[in-house]
Amino acid sequence: MDPEKADSIVVMLRQGHRIRLPREQLTHGLALVALLLMAGMALFGPSGLLAWGEQAQLLEQRKAQIAKLEKARAEMQQNVDALDPENVDPDFVATLIREQHNLVRPDEFVLELEPQEPVSGN
């Protein structure tokens, strides 16, 4: 065996899997950057793992808001039905007129109360 070849084999074994060509180093570097970028997007991206928690919280807020709006809509629909010209609820109409125009009946009394300061519990 040629001594120069024997030395190069020993050097290769000592160095292990070191990449010698700059082109291979560049290829491996770009592959690593691409993998890190994909991992970052999987964690921190708009549809990543961390965004799921925020989306779930936002979904719960929207569901609560929808429930509140549906309740208000049902109340409004009930008022619309009570004001139907063909089937008017006279008590409801009287209540609306009294509330909107600050009216009282002749047999009612209005008591005006002065605001009181809260009492401390010392």
PDB file of N, CA and C in Angstrom:
ATOM      1  N   MET A   1       0.839  -1.169   0.000  1.00  0.00           N
ATOM      2  CA  MET A   1       0.000   0.000   0.000  1.00  0.00           C
ATOM      3  C   MET A   1       0.886   1.235   0.000  1.00  0.00           C
ATOM      4  N   ASP A   2       0.503   2.210  -0.749  1.00  0.00           N
ATOM      5  CA  ASP A   2       1.265   3.440  -0.871  1.00  0.00           C
ATOM      6  C   ASP A   2       1.134   4.241   0.438  1.00  0.00           C
ATOM      7  N   PRO A   3       2.228   4.789   1.005  1.00  0.00           N
ATOM      8  CA  PRO A   3       2.159   5.513   2.284  1.00  0.00           C
ATOM      9  C   PRO A   3       1.297   6.765   2.198  1.00  0.00           C
ATOM     10  N   GLU A   4       1.254   7.419   1.033  1.00  0.00           N
ATOM     11  CA  GLU A   4       0.417   8.617   0.909  1.00  0.00           C
ATOM     12  C   GLU A   4      -1.057   8.258   1.000  1.00  0.00           C
ATOM     13  N   LYS A   5      -1.453   7.168   0.386  1.00  0.00           N
ATOM     14  CA  LYS A   5      -2.844   6.720   0.451  1.00  0.00           C
ATOM     15  C   LYS A   5      -3.198   6.294   1.872  1.00  0.00           C
ATOM     16  N   ALA A   6      -2.275   5.623   2.532  1.00  0.00           N
ATOM     17  CA  ALA A   6      -2.525   5.182   3.909  1.00  0.00           C
ATOM     18  C   ALA A   6      -2.739   6.393   4.812  1.00  0.00           C
ATOM     19  N   ASP A   7      -1.967   7.462   4.628  1.00  0.00           N
ATOM     20  CA  ASP A   7      -2.123   8.666   5.445  1.00  0.00           C
ATOM     21  C   ASP A   7      -3.474   9.341   5.189  1.00  0.00           C
ATOM     22  N   SER A   8      -3.877   9.395   3.925  1.00  0.00           N
ATOM     23  CA  SER A   8      -5.159  10.037   3.619  1.00  0.00           C
ATOM     24  C   SER A   8      -6.325   9.235   4.187  1.00  0.00           C
ATOM     25  N   ILE A   9      -6.201   7.912   4.222  1.00  0.00           N
ATOM     26  CA  ILE A   9      -7.260   7.090   4.805  1.00  0.00           C
ATOM     27  C   ILE A   9      -7.334   7.341   6.307  1.00  0.00           C
ATOM     28  N   VAL A  10      -6.207   7.429   6.962  1.00  0.00           N
ATOM     29  CA  VAL A  10      -6.172   7.676   8.407  1.00  0.00           C
ATOM     30  C   VAL A  10      -6.763   9.051   8.703  1.00  0.00           C
ATOM     31  N   VAL A  11      -6.435  10.033   7.891  1.00  0.00           N
ATOM     32  CA  VAL A  11      -6.964  11.382   8.087  1.00  0.00           C
ATOM     33  C   VAL A  11      -8.469  11.384   7.918  1.00  0.00           C
ATOM     34  N   MET A  12      -8.969  10.673   6.924  1.00  0.00           N
ATOM     35  CA  MET A  12     -10.415  10.613   6.705  1.00  0.00           C
ATOM     36  C   MET A  12     -11.111   9.948   7.886  1.00  0.00           C
ATOM     37  N   LEU A  13     -10.505   8.881   8.428  1.00  0.00           N
ATOM     38  CA  LEU A  13     -11.123   8.194   9.555  1.00  0.00           C
ATOM     39  C   LEU A  13     -11.113   9.065  10.800  1.00  0.00           C
ATOM     40  N   ARG A  14     -10.065   9.818  10.997  1.00  0.00           N
ATOM     41  CA  ARG A  14      -9.986  10.707  12.153  1.00  0.00           C
ATOM     42  C   ARG A  14     -11.002  11.837  12.049  1.00  0.00           C
ATOM     43  N   GLN A  15     -11.220  12.338  10.861  1.00  0.00           N
ATOM     44  CA  GLN A  15     -12.108  13.469  10.685  1.00  0.00           C
ATOM     45  C   GLN A  15     -13.569  13.033  10.627  1.00  0.00           C
ATOM     46  N   GLY A  16     -13.864  11.819  10.393  1.00  0.00           N
ATOM     47  CA  GLY A  16     -15.238  11.339  10.377  1.00  0.00           C
ATOM     48  C   GLY A  16     -15.989  11.821   9.157  1.00  0.00           C
ATOM     49  N   HIS A  17     -17.169  12.378   9.353  1.00  0.00           N
ATOM     50  CA  HIS A  17     -18.042  12.790   8.254  1.00  0.00           C
ATOM     51  C   HIS A  17     -17.937  14.279   7.964  1.00  0.00           C
ATOM     52  N   ARG A  18     -16.826  14.820   8.033  1.00  0.00           N
ATOM     53  CA  ARG A  18     -16.682  16.228   7.712  1.00  0.00           C
ATOM     54  C   ARG A  18     -16.885  16.448   6.230  1.00  0.00           C
ATOM     55  N   ILE A  19     -17.572  17.528   5.910  1.00  0.00           N
ATOM     56  CA  ILE A  19     -17.821  17.860   4.510  1.00  0.00           C
ATOM     57  C   ILE A  19     -16.641  18.693   4.029  1.00  0.00           C
ATOM     58  N   ARG A  20     -16.055  18.268   2.928  1.00  0.00           N
ATOM     59  CA  ARG A  20     -14.853  18.932   2.438  1.00  0.00           C
ATOM     60  C   ARG A  20     -15.160  19.934   1.332  1.00  0.00           C
ATOM     61  N   LEU A  21     -16.190  19.701   0.530  1.00  0.00           N
ATOM     62  CA  LEU A  21     -16.442  20.569  -0.611  1.00  0.00           C
ATOM     63  C   LEU A  21     -17.321  21.758  -0.199  1.00  0.00           C
ATOM     64  N   PRO A  22     -16.943  22.963  -0.616  1.00  0.00           N
ATOM     65  CA  PRO A  22     -17.756  24.137  -0.278  1.00  0.00           C
ATOM     66  C   PRO A  22     -19.182  24.036  -0.844  1.00  0.00           C
ATOM     67  N   ARG A  23     -19.323  23.379  -1.978  1.00  0.00           N
ATOM     68  CA  ARG A  23     -20.651  23.222  -2.575  1.00  0.00           C
ATOM     69  C   ARG A  23     -21.550  22.367  -1.672  1.00  0.00           C
ATOM     70  N   GLU A  24     -20.991  21.321  -1.083  1.00  0.00           N
ATOM     71  CA  GLU A  24     -21.750  20.483  -0.161  1.00  0.00           C
ATOM     72  C   GLU A  24     -22.084  21.247   1.109  1.00  0.00           C
ATOM     73  N   GLN A  25     -21.173  22.053   1.590  1.00  0.00           N
ATOM     74  CA  GLN A  25     -21.430  22.870   2.775  1.00  0.00           C
ATOM     75  C   GLN A  25     -22.570  23.845   2.512  1.00  0.00           C
ATOM     76  N   LEU A  26     -22.563  24.464   1.351  1.00  0.00           N
ATOM     77  CA  LEU A  26     -23.616  25.403   0.981  1.00  0.00           C
ATOM     78  C   LEU A  26     -24.966  24.685   0.878  1.00  0.00           C
ATOM     79  N   THR A  27     -24.977  23.516   0.277  1.00  0.00           N
ATOM     80  CA  THR A  27     -26.216  22.747   0.124  1.00  0.00           C
ATOM     81  C   THR A  27     -26.770  22.361   1.490  1.00  0.00           C
ATOM     82  N   HIS A  28     -25.910  21.874   2.362  1.00  0.00           N
ATOM     83  CA  HIS A  28     -26.352  21.485   3.697  1.00  0.00           C
ATOM     84  C   HIS A  28     -26.806  22.712   4.504  1.00  0.00           C
ATOM     85  N   GLY A  29     -26.116  23.807   4.341  1.00  0.00           N
ATOM     86  CA  GLY A  29     -26.502  25.042   5.033  1.00  0.00           C
ATOM     87  C   GLY A  29     -27.870  25.531   4.590  1.00  0.00           C
ATOM     88  N   LEU A  30     -28.103  25.521   3.273  1.00  0.00           N
ATOM     89  CA  LEU A  30     -29.417  25.948   2.767  1.00  0.00           C
ATOM     90  C   LEU A  30     -30.533  25.011   3.214  1.00  0.00           C
ATOM     91  N   ALA A  31     -30.240  23.709   3.245  1.00  0.00           N
ATOM     92  CA  ALA A  31     -31.236  22.740   3.716  1.00  0.00           C
ATOM     93  C   ALA A  31     -31.566  22.983   5.190  1.00  0.00           C
ATOM     94  N   LEU A  32     -30.561  23.288   5.989  1.00  0.00           N
ATOM     95  CA  LEU A  32     -30.777  23.572   7.403  1.00  0.00           C
ATOM     96  C   LEU A  32     -31.611  24.838   7.593  1.00  0.00           C
ATOM     97  N   VAL A  33     -31.293  25.874   6.832  1.00  0.00           N
ATOM     98  CA  VAL A  33     -32.061  27.119   6.908  1.00  0.00           C
ATOM     99  C   VAL A  33     -33.518  26.870   6.511  1.00  0.00           C
ATOM    100  N   ALA A  34     -33.735  26.079   5.456  1.00  0.00           N
ATOM    101  CA  ALA A  34     -35.097  25.772   5.016  1.00  0.00           C
ATOM    102  C   ALA A  34     -35.857  25.000   6.093  1.00  0.00           C
ATOM    103  N   LEU A  35     -35.210  24.032   6.731  1.00  0.00           N
ATOM    104  CA  LEU A  35     -35.855  23.262   7.798  1.00  0.00           C
ATOM    105  C   LEU A  35     -36.187  24.145   8.998  1.00  0.00           C
ATOM    106  N   LEU A  36     -35.268  25.025   9.367  1.00  0.00           N
ATOM    107  CA  LEU A  36     -35.524  25.940  10.475  1.00  0.00           C
ATOM    108  C   LEU A  36     -36.663  26.895  10.159  1.00  0.00           C
ATOM    109  N   LEU A  37     -36.722  27.357   8.923  1.00  0.00           N
ATOM    110  CA  LEU A  37     -37.807  28.244   8.504  1.00  0.00           C
ATOM    111  C   LEU A  37     -39.153  27.531   8.564  1.00  0.00           C
ATOM    112  N   MET A  38     -39.195  26.297   8.099  1.00  0.00           N
ATOM    113  CA  MET A  38     -40.448  25.527   8.148  1.00  0.00           C
ATOM    114  C   MET A  38     -40.863  25.253   9.589  1.00  0.00           C
ATOM    115  N   ALA A  39     -39.901  24.939  10.444  1.00  0.00           N
ATOM    116  CA  ALA A  39     -40.212  24.701  11.857  1.00  0.00           C
ATOM    117  C   ALA A  39     -40.733  25.976  12.516  1.00  0.00           C
ATOM    118  N   GLY A  40     -40.118  27.109  12.180  1.00  0.00           N
ATOM    119  CA  GLY A  40     -40.580  28.391  12.722  1.00  0.00           C
ATOM    120  C   GLY A  40     -41.996  28.716  12.283  1.00  0.00           C
ATOM    121  N   MET A  41     -42.299  28.461  11.022  1.00  0.00           N
ATOM    122  CA  MET A  41     -43.654  28.723  10.532  1.00  0.00           C
ATOM    123  C   MET A  41     -44.668  27.764  11.174  1.00  0.00           C
ATOM    124  N   ALA A  42     -44.255  26.523  11.421  1.00  0.00           N
ATOM    125  CA  ALA A  42     -45.153  25.556  12.062  1.00  0.00           C
ATOM    126  C   ALA A  42     -45.477  25.972  13.493  1.00  0.00           C
ATOM    127  N   LEU A  43     -44.555  26.653  14.149  1.00  0.00           N
ATOM    128  CA  LEU A  43     -44.802  27.092  15.523  1.00  0.00           C
ATOM    129  C   LEU A  43     -45.411  28.484  15.595  1.00  0.00           C
ATOM    130  N   PHE A  44     -44.823  29.424  14.866  1.00  0.00           N
ATOM    131  CA  PHE A  44     -45.172  30.822  15.034  1.00  0.00           C
ATOM    132  C   PHE A  44     -45.972  31.413  13.885  1.00  0.00           C
ATOM    133  N   GLY A  45     -46.255  30.675  12.853  1.00  0.00           N
ATOM    134  CA  GLY A  45     -46.949  31.196  11.685  1.00  0.00           C
ATOM    135  C   GLY A  45     -48.421  31.466  11.957  1.00  0.00           C
ATOM    136  N   PRO A  46     -49.134  32.017  10.976  1.00  0.00           N
ATOM    137  CA  PRO A  46     -50.544  32.371  11.165  1.00  0.00           C
ATOM    138  C   PRO A  46     -51.433  31.158  11.440  1.00  0.00           C
ATOM    139  N   SER A  47     -51.024  29.982  11.013  1.00  0.00           N
ATOM    140  CA  SER A  47     -51.794  28.783  11.324  1.00  0.00           C
ATOM    141  C   SER A  47     -50.947  27.802  12.121  1.00  0.00           C
ATOM    142  N   GLY A  48     -49.970  28.322  12.848  1.00  0.00           N
ATOM    143  CA  GLY A  48     -49.068  27.490  13.631  1.00  0.00           C
ATOM    144  C   GLY A  48     -49.664  27.069  14.959  1.00  0.00           C
ATOM    145  N   LEU A  49     -48.868  26.344  15.711  1.00  0.00           N
ATOM    146  CA  LEU A  49     -49.337  25.809  16.986  1.00  0.00           C
ATOM    147  C   LEU A  49     -49.694  26.902  17.983  1.00  0.00           C
ATOM    148  N   LEU A  50     -48.917  27.958  18.051  1.00  0.00           N
ATOM    149  CA  LEU A  50     -49.196  29.029  18.996  1.00  0.00           C
ATOM    150  C   LEU A  50     -50.439  29.830  18.613  1.00  0.00           C
ATOM    151  N   ALA A  51     -50.752  29.883  17.332  1.00  0.00           N
ATOM    152  CA  ALA A  51     -51.933  30.627  16.882  1.00  0.00           C
ATOM    153  C   ALA A  51     -53.218  29.874  17.206  1.00  0.00           C
ATOM    154  N   TRP A  52     -53.158  28.576  17.406  1.00  0.00           N
ATOM    155  CA  TRP A  52     -54.366  27.798  17.711  1.00  0.00           C
ATOM    156  C   TRP A  52     -55.015  28.270  19.000  1.00  0.00           C
ATOM    157  N   GLY A  53     -54.216  28.541  20.020  1.00  0.00           N
ATOM    158  CA  GLY A  53     -54.754  29.020  21.295  1.00  0.00           C
ATOM    159  C   GLY A  53     -55.463  30.352  21.134  1.00  0.00           C
ATOM    160  N   GLU A  54     -54.841  31.247  20.391  1.00  0.00           N
ATOM    161  CA  GLU A  54     -55.449  32.555  20.148  1.00  0.00           C
ATOM    162  C   GLU A  54     -56.742  32.411  19.352  1.00  0.00           C
ATOM    163  N   GLN A  55     -56.734  31.527  18.371  1.00  0.00           N
ATOM    164  CA  GLN A  55     -57.933  31.319  17.551  1.00  0.00           C
ATOM    165  C   GLN A  55     -59.062  30.711  18.379  1.00  0.00           C
ATOM    166  N   ALA A  56     -58.741  29.794  19.275  1.00  0.00           N
ATOM    167  CA  ALA A  56     -59.765  29.183  20.134  1.00  0.00           C
ATOM    168  C   ALA A  56     -60.371  30.229  21.057  1.00  0.00           C
ATOM    169  N   GLN A  57     -59.546  31.110  21.606  1.00  0.00           N
ATOM    170  CA  GLN A  57     -60.042  32.176  22.478  1.00  0.00           C
ATOM    171  C   GLN A  57     -60.921  33.147  21.682  1.00  0.00           C
ATOM    172  N   LEU A  58     -60.493  33.498  20.500  1.00  0.00           N
ATOM    173  CA  LEU A  58     -61.271  34.394  19.650  1.00  0.00           C
ATOM    174  C   LEU A  58     -62.598  33.749  19.265  1.00  0.00           C
ATOM    175  N   LEU A  59     -62.595  32.447  19.015  1.00  0.00           N
ATOM    176  CA  LEU A  59     -63.823  31.729  18.674  1.00  0.00           C
ATOM    177  C   LEU A  59     -64.814  31.778  19.835  1.00  0.00           C
ATOM    178  N   GLU A  60     -64.341  31.593  21.062  1.00  0.00           N
ATOM    179  CA  GLU A  60     -65.225  31.654  22.234  1.00  0.00           C
ATOM    180  C   GLU A  60     -65.808  33.058  22.400  1.00  0.00           C
ATOM    181  N   GLN A  61     -65.000  34.084  22.164  1.00  0.00           N
ATOM    182  CA  GLN A  61     -65.499  35.460  22.247  1.00  0.00           C
ATOM    183  C   GLN A  61     -66.580  35.708  21.197  1.00  0.00           C
ATOM    184  N   ARG A  62     -66.352  35.220  19.993  1.00  0.00           N
ATOM    185  CA  ARG A  62     -67.337  35.400  18.918  1.00  0.00           C
ATOM    186  C   ARG A  62     -68.639  34.655  19.222  1.00  0.00           C
ATOM    187  N   LYS A  63     -68.523  33.447  19.789  1.00  0.00           N
ATOM    188  CA  LYS A  63     -69.726  32.690  20.142  1.00  0.00           C
ATOM    189  C   LYS A  63     -70.536  33.422  21.201  1.00  0.00           C
ATOM    190  N   ALA A  64     -69.854  34.010  22.201  1.00  0.00           N
ATOM    191  CA  ALA A  64     -70.552  34.782  23.235  1.00  0.00           C
ATOM    192  C   ALA A  64     -71.218  36.013  22.624  1.00  0.00           C
ATOM    193  N   GLN A  65     -70.528  36.654  21.703  1.00  0.00           N
ATOM    194  CA  GLN A  65     -71.085  37.842  21.044  1.00  0.00           C
ATOM    195  C   GLN A  65     -72.296  37.462  20.195  1.00  0.00           C
ATOM    196  N   ILE A  66     -72.224  36.345  19.502  1.00  0.00           N
ATOM    197  CA  ILE A  66     -73.349  35.885  18.688  1.00  0.00           C
ATOM    198  C   ILE A  66     -74.550  35.569  19.568  1.00  0.00           C
ATOM    199  N   ALA A  67     -74.323  34.909  20.711  1.00  0.00           N
ATOM    200  CA  ALA A  67     -75.422  34.584  21.622  1.00  0.00           C
ATOM    201  C   ALA A  67     -76.093  35.854  22.139  1.00  0.00           C
ATOM    202  N   LYS A  68     -75.283  36.850  22.464  1.00  0.00           N
ATOM    203  CA  LYS A  68     -75.823  38.133  22.943  1.00  0.00           C
ATOM    204  C   LYS A  68     -76.648  38.819  21.849  1.00  0.00           C
ATOM    205  N   LEU A  69     -76.134  38.815  20.624  1.00  0.00           N
ATOM    206  CA  LEU A  69     -76.854  39.441  19.512  1.00  0.00           C
ATOM    207  C   LEU A  69     -78.132  38.684  19.164  1.00  0.00           C
ATOM    208  N   GLU A  70     -78.096  37.359  19.265  1.00  0.00           N
ATOM    209  CA  GLU A  70     -79.306  36.580  18.985  1.00  0.00           C
ATOM    210  C   GLU A  70     -80.386  36.857  20.029  1.00  0.00           C
ATOM    211  N   LYS A  71     -79.970  37.042  21.283  1.00  0.00           N
ATOM    212  CA  LYS A  71     -80.936  37.378  22.338  1.00  0.00           C
ATOM    213  C   LYS A  71     -81.555  38.750  22.059  1.00  0.00           C
ATOM    214  N   ALA A  72     -80.730  39.727  21.698  1.00  0.00           N
ATOM    215  CA  ALA A  72     -81.241  41.067  21.386  1.00  0.00           C
ATOM    216  C   ALA A  72     -82.165  41.012  20.166  1.00  0.00           C
ATOM    217  N   ARG A  73     -81.811  40.205  19.190  1.00  0.00           N
ATOM    218  CA  ARG A  73     -82.649  40.069  17.994  1.00  0.00           C
ATOM    219  C   ARG A  73     -83.997  39.452  18.342  1.00  0.00           C
ATOM    220  N   ALA A  74     -83.992  38.462  19.210  1.00  0.00           N
ATOM    221  CA  ALA A  74     -85.252  37.834  19.617  1.00  0.00           C
ATOM    222  C   ALA A  74     -86.142  38.828  20.354  1.00  0.00           C
ATOM    223  N   GLU A  75     -85.547  39.672  21.201  1.00  0.00           N
ATOM    224  CA  GLU A  75     -86.327  40.703  21.900  1.00  0.00           C
ATOM    225  C   GLU A  75     -86.903  41.709  20.909  1.00  0.00           C
ATOM    226  N   MET A  76     -86.103  42.109  19.942  1.00  0.00           N
ATOM    227  CA  MET A  76     -86.605  43.054  18.930  1.00  0.00           C
ATOM    228  C   MET A  76     -87.717  42.436  18.100  1.00  0.00           C
ATOM    229  N   GLN A  77     -87.553  41.177  17.748  1.00  0.00           N
ATOM    230  CA  GLN A  77     -88.603  40.503  16.972  1.00  0.00           C
ATOM    231  C   GLN A  77     -89.892  40.412  17.783  1.00  0.00           C
ATOM    232  N   GLN A  78     -89.768  40.194  19.081  1.00  0.00           N
ATOM    233  CA  GLN A  78     -90.947  40.153  19.942  1.00  0.00           C
ATOM    234  C   GLN A  78     -91.635  41.522  19.971  1.00  0.00           C
ATOM    235  N   ASN A  79     -90.838  42.595  20.022  1.00  0.00           N
ATOM    236  CA  ASN A  79     -91.411  43.951  19.991  1.00  0.00           C
ATOM    237  C   ASN A  79     -92.093  44.225  18.652  1.00  0.00           C
ATOM    238  N   VAL A  80     -91.475  43.796  17.572  1.00  0.00           N
ATOM    239  CA  VAL A  80     -92.069  43.988  16.242  1.00  0.00           C
ATOM    240  C   VAL A  80     -93.389  43.240  16.148  1.00  0.00           C
ATOM    241  N   ASP A  81     -93.410  42.015  16.654  1.00  0.00           N
ATOM    242  CA  ASP A  81     -94.651  41.232  16.623  1.00  0.00           C
ATOM    243  C   ASP A  81     -95.739  41.881  17.472  1.00  0.00           C
ATOM    244  N   ALA A  82     -95.352  42.493  18.605  1.00  0.00           N
ATOM    245  CA  ALA A  82     -96.339  43.144  19.475  1.00  0.00           C
ATOM    246  C   ALA A  82     -96.890  44.416  18.841  1.00  0.00           C
ATOM    247  N   LEU A  83     -96.157  45.011  17.908  1.00  0.00           N
ATOM    248  CA  LEU A  83     -96.606  46.247  17.249  1.00  0.00           C
ATOM    249  C   LEU A  83     -97.217  45.994  15.880  1.00  0.00           C
ATOM    250  N   ASP A  84     -97.498  44.761  15.567  1.00  0.00           N
ATOM    251  CA  ASP A  84     -98.117  44.420  14.286  1.00  0.00           C
ATOM    252  C   ASP A  84     -99.466  45.120  14.189  1.00  0.00           C
ATOM    253  N   PRO A  85     -99.711  45.905  13.126  1.00  0.00           N
ATOM    254  CA  PRO A  85    -100.958  46.678  13.019  1.00  0.00           C
ATOM    255  C   PRO A  85    -102.226  45.814  13.076  1.00  0.00           C
ATOM    256  N   GLU A  86    -102.139  44.590  12.651  1.00  0.00           N
ATOM    257  CA  GLU A  86    -103.331  43.744  12.664  1.00  0.00           C
ATOM    258  C   GLU A  86    -103.568  43.099  14.027  1.00  0.00           C
ATOM    259  N   ASN A  87    -102.553  43.061  14.854  1.00  0.00           N
ATOM    260  CA  ASN A  87    -102.688  42.394  16.146  1.00  0.00           C
ATOM    261  C   ASN A  87    -101.867  43.144  17.192  1.00  0.00           C
ATOM    262  N   VAL A  88    -102.203  44.398  17.469  1.00  0.00           N
ATOM    263  CA  VAL A  88    -101.439  45.250  18.367  1.00  0.00           C
ATOM    264  C   VAL A  88    -101.722  44.862  19.820  1.00  0.00           C
ATOM    265  N   ASP A  89    -100.653  44.832  20.610  1.00  0.00           N
ATOM    266  CA  ASP A  89    -100.777  44.604  22.052  1.00  0.00           C
ATOM    267  C   ASP A  89    -100.933  45.966  22.727  1.00  0.00           C
ATOM    268  N   PRO A  90    -102.119  46.293  23.216  1.00  0.00           N
ATOM    269  CA  PRO A  90    -102.346  47.635  23.776  1.00  0.00           C
ATOM    270  C   PRO A  90    -101.490  47.930  25.016  1.00  0.00           C
ATOM    271  N   ASP A  91    -101.244  46.945  25.843  1.00  0.00           N
ATOM    272  CA  ASP A  91    -100.417  47.174  27.030  1.00  0.00           C
ATOM    273  C   ASP A  91     -98.978  47.525  26.639  1.00  0.00           C
ATOM    274  N   PHE A  92     -98.473  46.853  25.626  1.00  0.00           N
ATOM    275  CA  PHE A  92     -97.116  47.127  25.169  1.00  0.00           C
ATOM    276  C   PHE A  92     -97.021  48.529  24.576  1.00  0.00           C
ATOM    277  N   VAL A  93     -97.996  48.916  23.798  1.00  0.00           N
ATOM    278  CA  VAL A  93     -98.005  50.255  23.198  1.00  0.00           C
ATOM    279  C   VAL A  93     -98.063  51.317  24.286  1.00  0.00           C
ATOM    280  N   ALA A  94     -98.914  51.112  25.290  1.00  0.00           N
ATOM    281  CA  ALA A  94     -99.017  52.078  26.381  1.00  0.00           C
ATOM    282  C   ALA A  94     -97.686  52.181  27.135  1.00  0.00           C
ATOM    283  N   THR A  95     -97.057  51.066  27.371  1.00  0.00           N
ATOM    284  CA  THR A  95     -95.760  51.077  28.065  1.00  0.00           C
ATOM    285  C   THR A  95     -94.714  51.825  27.249  1.00  0.00           C
ATOM    286  N   LEU A  96     -94.674  51.587  25.935  1.00  0.00           N
ATOM    287  CA  LEU A  96     -93.697  52.292  25.084  1.00  0.00           C
ATOM    288  C   LEU A  96     -93.927  53.798  25.107  1.00  0.00           C
ATOM    289  N   ILE A  97     -95.170  54.210  24.982  1.00  0.00           N
ATOM    290  CA  ILE A  97     -95.484  55.653  24.957  1.00  0.00           C
ATOM    291  C   ILE A  97     -95.109  56.297  26.287  1.00  0.00           C
ATOM    292  N   ARG A  98     -95.405  55.620  27.383  1.00  0.00           N
ATOM    293  CA  ARG A  98     -95.087  56.181  28.696  1.00  0.00           C
ATOM    294  C   ARG A  98     -93.574  56.289  28.891  1.00  0.00           C
ATOM    295  N   GLU A  99     -92.829  55.287  28.457  1.00  0.00           N
ATOM    296  CA  GLU A  99     -91.382  55.324  28.619  1.00  0.00           C
ATOM    297  C   GLU A  99     -90.733  56.381  27.732  1.00  0.00           C
ATOM    298  N   GLN A 100     -91.189  56.487  26.497  1.00  0.00           N
ATOM    299  CA  GLN A 100     -90.543  57.400  25.542  1.00  0.00           C
ATOM    300  C   GLN A 100     -90.896  58.857  25.796  1.00  0.00           C
ATOM    301  N   HIS A 101     -92.074  59.105  26.350  1.00  0.00           N
ATOM    302  CA  HIS A 101     -92.515  60.494  26.530  1.00  0.00           C
ATOM    303  C   HIS A 101     -92.611  60.903  27.994  1.00  0.00           C
ATOM    304  N   ASN A 102     -92.124  60.057  28.902  1.00  0.00           N
ATOM    305  CA  ASN A 102     -92.139  60.353  30.339  1.00  0.00           C
ATOM    306  C   ASN A 102     -93.533  60.736  30.826  1.00  0.00           C
ATOM    307  N   LEU A 103     -94.511  59.957  30.476  1.00  0.00           N
ATOM    308  CA  LEU A 103     -95.892  60.228  30.864  1.00  0.00           C
ATOM    309  C   LEU A 103     -96.274  59.391  32.083  1.00  0.00           C
ATOM    310  N   VAL A 104     -97.201  59.947  32.877  1.00  0.00           N
ATOM    311  CA  VAL A 104     -97.747  59.218  34.015  1.00  0.00           C
ATOM    312  C   VAL A 104     -99.261  59.272  33.944  1.00  0.00           C
ATOM    313  N   ARG A 105     -99.882  58.321  34.566  1.00  0.00           N
ATOM    314  CA  ARG A 105    -101.353  58.298  34.622  1.00  0.00           C
ATOM    315  C   ARG A 105    -101.810  59.214  35.754  1.00  0.00           C
ATOM    316  N   PRO A 106    -103.055  59.652  35.696  1.00  0.00           N
ATOM    317  CA  PRO A 106    -103.546  60.570  36.739  1.00  0.00           C
ATOM    318  C   PRO A 106    -103.507  59.961  38.145  1.00  0.00           C
ATOM    319  N   ASP A 107    -103.597  58.662  38.268  1.00  0.00           N
ATOM    320  CA  ASP A 107    -103.612  58.050  39.594  1.00  0.00           C
ATOM    321  C   ASP A 107    -102.221  57.609  40.067  1.00  0.00           C
ATOM    322  N   GLU A 108    -101.165  58.012  39.355  1.00  0.00           N
ATOM    323  CA  GLU A 108     -99.803  57.641  39.721  1.00  0.00           C
ATOM    324  C   GLU A 108     -99.067  58.835  40.327  1.00  0.00           C
ATOM    325  N   PHE A 109     -98.087  58.539  41.183  1.00  0.00           N
ATOM    326  CA  PHE A 109     -97.261  59.570  41.792  1.00  0.00           C
ATOM    327  C   PHE A 109     -95.811  59.353  41.356  1.00  0.00           C
ATOM    328  N   VAL A 110     -95.116  60.444  41.120  1.00  0.00           N
ATOM    329  CA  VAL A 110     -93.699  60.375  40.766  1.00  0.00           C
ATOM    330  C   VAL A 110     -92.897  60.839  41.965  1.00  0.00           C
ATOM    331  N   LEU A 111     -92.022  59.999  42.432  1.00  0.00           N
ATOM    332  CA  LEU A 111     -91.156  60.344  43.553  1.00  0.00           C
ATOM    333  C   LEU A 111     -89.749  60.555  43.033  1.00  0.00           C
ATOM    334  N   GLU A 112     -89.229  61.734  43.216  1.00  0.00           N
ATOM    335  CA  GLU A 112     -87.869  62.034  42.808  1.00  0.00           C
ATOM    336  C   GLU A 112     -86.961  61.874  44.015  1.00  0.00           C
ATOM    337  N   LEU A 113     -86.003  61.015  43.902  1.00  0.00           N
ATOM    338  CA  LEU A 113     -85.077  60.754  44.999  1.00  0.00           C
ATOM    339  C   LEU A 113     -83.746  61.400  44.710  1.00  0.00           C
ATOM    340  N   GLU A 114     -83.168  61.977  45.756  1.00  0.00           N
ATOM    341  CA  GLU A 114     -81.842  62.567  45.600  1.00  0.00           C
ATOM    342  C   GLU A 114     -80.807  61.448  45.679  1.00  0.00           C
ATOM    343  N   PRO A 115     -79.763  61.537  44.872  1.00  0.00           N
ATOM    344  CA  PRO A 115     -78.730  60.499  44.941  1.00  0.00           C
ATOM    345  C   PRO A 115     -78.048  60.514  46.309  1.00  0.00           C
ATOM    346  N   GLN A 116     -77.817  59.337  46.836  1.00  0.00           N
ATOM    347  CA  GLN A 116     -77.174  59.232  48.145  1.00  0.00           C
ATOM    348  C   GLN A 116     -75.744  58.732  47.962  1.00  0.00           C
ATOM    349  N   GLU A 117     -74.885  59.194  48.880  1.00  0.00           N
ATOM    350  CA  GLU A 117     -73.497  58.738  48.849  1.00  0.00           C
ATOM    351  C   GLU A 117     -73.431  57.328  49.441  1.00  0.00           C
ATOM    352  N   PRO A 118     -72.571  56.498  48.910  1.00  0.00           N
ATOM    353  CA  PRO A 118     -72.464  55.143  49.456  1.00  0.00           C
ATOM    354  C   PRO A 118     -71.949  55.160  50.879  1.00  0.00           C
ATOM    355  N   VAL A 119     -72.488  54.288  51.691  1.00  0.00           N
ATOM    356  CA  VAL A 119     -72.091  54.184  53.084  1.00  0.00           C
ATOM    357  C   VAL A 119     -70.911  53.242  53.185  1.00  0.00           C
ATOM    358  N   SER A 120     -69.843  53.703  53.841  1.00  0.00           N
ATOM    359  CA  SER A 120     -68.668  52.837  53.997  1.00  0.00           C
ATOM    360  C   SER A 120     -68.907  51.867  55.132  1.00  0.00           C
ATOM    361  N   GLY A 121     -68.363  50.672  55.014  1.00  0.00           N
ATOM    362  CA  GLY A 121     -68.604  49.620  55.995  1.00  0.00           C
ATOM    363  C   GLY A 121     -67.551  49.570  57.084  1.00  0.00           C
ATOM    364  N   ASN A 122     -67.055  50.703  57.595  1.00  0.00           N
ATOM    365  CA  ASN A 122     -66.039  50.709  58.663  1.00  0.00           C
ATOM    366  C   ASN A 122     -66.641  50.408  59.972  1.00  0.00           C
TER     367      ASN A 122
END
